[in-house]
Amino acid sequence: MKFTPFVPSLLLAGMLAAAVGCTTQASLRSQAKVSQADAEKTALAKVPGGSIKETELEKEKGKLIWSIELGTAGTKEVTEVNVDALSGDIVAIEKERD
């Protein structure tokens, strides 16, 4: 049986990509001055009756933001609230259909 290094190489590449993603997320979290919980409270205050579906810390247009997706019971509408992770200010609010 002949050994092909292709499969182990793919596995190693996948593990390295996952490690880089974790490091990047850890790096972003270390830069944030506003906690995830505080950003979520700010977002919930803007969407009465909303419930958090997903929260992500990301760099967007050069800004570090908490991107928070909220659903509202009885609708298919999703509201994305972007909270500046340095100041706590709301950067954007966008409504979408789920």
C-alpha atoms as a PDB file:
ATOM      1  CA  MET A   1       0.000   0.000   0.000  1.00  0.00           C
ATOM      2  CA  LYS A   2       1.341   3.380  -0.993  1.00  0.00           C
ATOM      3  CA  PHE A   3       1.267   6.274   1.510  1.00  0.00           C
ATOM      4  CA  THR A   4      -0.025   9.589   0.188  1.00  0.00           C
ATOM      5  CA  PRO A   5       0.856  12.687   2.198  1.00  0.00           C
ATOM      6  CA  PHE A   6      -2.117  14.587   0.748  1.00  0.00           C
ATOM      7  CA  VAL A   7      -4.732  13.593   3.377  1.00  0.00           C
ATOM      8  CA  PRO A   8      -2.540  14.268   6.439  1.00  0.00           C
ATOM      9  CA  SER A   9      -1.542  17.595   4.877  1.00  0.00           C
ATOM     10  CA  LEU A  10      -5.211  18.577   4.529  1.00  0.00           C
ATOM     11  CA  LEU A  11      -5.856  17.638   8.154  1.00  0.00           C
ATOM     12  CA  LEU A  12      -2.888  19.684   9.327  1.00  0.00           C
ATOM     13  CA  ALA A  13      -4.007  22.665   7.226  1.00  0.00           C
ATOM     14  CA  GLY A  14      -7.493  22.468   8.758  1.00  0.00           C
ATOM     15  CA  MET A  15      -6.118  22.339  12.296  1.00  0.00           C
ATOM     16  CA  LEU A  16      -3.848  25.313  11.634  1.00  0.00           C
ATOM     17  CA  ALA A  17      -6.731  27.338  10.181  1.00  0.00           C
ATOM     18  CA  ALA A  18      -8.838  26.591  13.264  1.00  0.00           C
ATOM     19  CA  ALA A  19      -5.980  27.621  15.563  1.00  0.00           C
ATOM     20  CA  VAL A  20      -5.521  30.905  13.690  1.00  0.00           C
ATOM     21  CA  GLY A  21      -9.263  31.608  13.945  1.00  0.00           C
ATOM     22  CA  CYS A  22      -9.189  31.054  17.715  1.00  0.00           C
ATOM     23  CA  THR A  23      -6.146  33.271  18.086  1.00  0.00           C
ATOM     24  CA  THR A  24      -7.787  36.025  16.047  1.00  0.00           C
ATOM     25  CA  GLN A  25     -10.969  35.880  18.123  1.00  0.00           C
ATOM     26  CA  ALA A  26      -8.896  35.945  21.335  1.00  0.00           C
ATOM     27  CA  SER A  27      -6.964  38.917  19.981  1.00  0.00           C
ATOM     28  CA  LEU A  28     -10.197  40.783  19.149  1.00  0.00           C
ATOM     29  CA  ARG A  29     -11.631  40.046  22.606  1.00  0.00           C
ATOM     30  CA  SER A  30      -8.486  41.423  24.247  1.00  0.00           C
ATOM     31  CA  GLN A  31      -8.989  44.698  22.343  1.00  0.00           C
ATOM     32  CA  ALA A  32     -12.675  45.105  23.244  1.00  0.00           C
ATOM     33  CA  LYS A  33     -13.431  47.530  26.069  1.00  0.00           C
ATOM     34  CA  VAL A  34     -17.160  46.734  26.048  1.00  0.00           C
ATOM     35  CA  SER A  35     -18.097  43.242  27.213  1.00  0.00           C
ATOM     36  CA  GLN A  36     -20.323  40.951  25.203  1.00  0.00           C
ATOM     37  CA  ALA A  37     -22.965  41.108  27.962  1.00  0.00           C
ATOM     38  CA  ASP A  38     -23.011  44.931  27.938  1.00  0.00           C
ATOM     39  CA  ALA A  39     -23.228  45.047  24.131  1.00  0.00           C
ATOM     40  CA  GLU A  40     -26.131  42.587  24.224  1.00  0.00           C
ATOM     41  CA  LYS A  41     -27.956  44.723  26.831  1.00  0.00           C
ATOM     42  CA  THR A  42     -27.538  47.757  24.566  1.00  0.00           C
ATOM     43  CA  ALA A  43     -28.898  45.839  21.569  1.00  0.00           C
ATOM     44  CA  LEU A  44     -31.855  44.426  23.525  1.00  0.00           C
ATOM     45  CA  ALA A  45     -32.807  47.950  24.620  1.00  0.00           C
ATOM     46  CA  LYS A  46     -33.185  48.901  20.934  1.00  0.00           C
ATOM     47  CA  VAL A  47     -35.357  45.898  20.027  1.00  0.00           C
ATOM     48  CA  PRO A  48     -38.227  45.585  22.524  1.00  0.00           C
ATOM     49  CA  GLY A  49     -39.302  41.959  22.866  1.00  0.00           C
ATOM     50  CA  GLY A  50     -36.213  40.794  20.989  1.00  0.00           C
ATOM     51  CA  SER A  51     -34.196  37.707  21.795  1.00  0.00           C
ATOM     52  CA  ILE A  52     -30.553  37.176  20.934  1.00  0.00           C
ATOM     53  CA  LYS A  53     -29.927  34.677  18.152  1.00  0.00           C
ATOM     54  CA  GLU A  54     -26.204  35.237  17.624  1.00  0.00           C
ATOM     55  CA  THR A  55     -23.419  37.518  18.804  1.00  0.00           C
ATOM     56  CA  GLU A  56     -20.085  37.922  17.069  1.00  0.00           C
ATOM     57  CA  LEU A  57     -17.090  40.162  17.635  1.00  0.00           C
ATOM     58  CA  GLU A  58     -15.595  41.352  14.356  1.00  0.00           C
ATOM     59  CA  LYS A  59     -13.685  44.057  12.542  1.00  0.00           C
ATOM     60  CA  GLU A  60     -15.909  45.830  10.056  1.00  0.00           C
ATOM     61  CA  LYS A  61     -14.833  48.858   8.043  1.00  0.00           C
ATOM     62  CA  GLY A  62     -11.871  49.278  10.394  1.00  0.00           C
ATOM     63  CA  LYS A  63     -14.021  49.283  13.546  1.00  0.00           C
ATOM     64  CA  LEU A  64     -14.164  46.618  16.221  1.00  0.00           C
ATOM     65  CA  ILE A  65     -17.854  45.839  16.700  1.00  0.00           C
ATOM     66  CA  TRP A  66     -20.177  43.445  18.415  1.00  0.00           C
ATOM     67  CA  SER A  67     -22.608  42.244  15.756  1.00  0.00           C
ATOM     68  CA  ILE A  68     -25.768  41.078  17.504  1.00  0.00           C
ATOM     69  CA  GLU A  69     -28.658  39.396  15.677  1.00  0.00           C
ATOM     70  CA  LEU A  70     -32.015  39.551  17.425  1.00  0.00           C
ATOM     71  CA  GLY A  71     -35.245  37.808  16.572  1.00  0.00           C
ATOM     72  CA  THR A  72     -38.710  39.015  17.514  1.00  0.00           C
ATOM     73  CA  ALA A  73     -41.396  36.504  18.493  1.00  0.00           C
ATOM     74  CA  GLY A  74     -44.193  36.149  15.971  1.00  0.00           C
ATOM     75  CA  THR A  75     -42.201  37.576  13.069  1.00  0.00           C
ATOM     76  CA  LYS A  76     -39.590  36.351  10.605  1.00  0.00           C
ATOM     77  CA  GLU A  77     -37.727  39.604  11.032  1.00  0.00           C
ATOM     78  CA  VAL A  78     -34.133  39.664  12.269  1.00  0.00           C
ATOM     79  CA  THR A  79     -32.608  42.886  13.516  1.00  0.00           C
ATOM     80  CA  GLU A  80     -28.833  43.212  13.451  1.00  0.00           C
ATOM     81  CA  VAL A  81     -27.484  45.742  15.926  1.00  0.00           C
ATOM     82  CA  ASN A  82     -23.813  46.686  15.671  1.00  0.00           C
ATOM     83  CA  VAL A  83     -22.303  48.026  18.884  1.00  0.00           C
ATOM     84  CA  ASP A  84     -18.866  49.658  18.908  1.00  0.00           C
ATOM     85  CA  ALA A  85     -16.695  47.392  21.085  1.00  0.00           C
ATOM     86  CA  LEU A  86     -14.572  50.329  22.236  1.00  0.00           C
ATOM     87  CA  SER A  87     -17.186  52.965  23.085  1.00  0.00           C
ATOM     88  CA  GLY A  88     -20.436  51.025  23.486  1.00  0.00           C
ATOM     89  CA  ASP A  89     -22.175  53.279  20.959  1.00  0.00           C
ATOM     90  CA  ILE A  90     -24.582  51.826  18.421  1.00  0.00           C
ATOM     91  CA  VAL A  91     -22.936  51.951  14.990  1.00  0.00           C
ATOM     92  CA  ALA A  92     -25.786  50.537  12.875  1.00  0.00           C
ATOM     93  CA  ILE A  93     -29.192  48.876  13.048  1.00  0.00           C
ATOM     94  CA  GLU A  94     -30.395  46.825  10.098  1.00  0.00           C
ATOM     95  CA  LYS A  95     -33.594  44.806   9.692  1.00  0.00           C
ATOM     96  CA  GLU A  96     -33.692  41.683   7.547  1.00  0.00           C
ATOM     97  CA  ARG A  97     -36.112  38.859   6.818  1.00  0.00           C
ATOM     98  CA  ASP A  98     -35.001  35.533   8.287  1.00  0.00           C
END
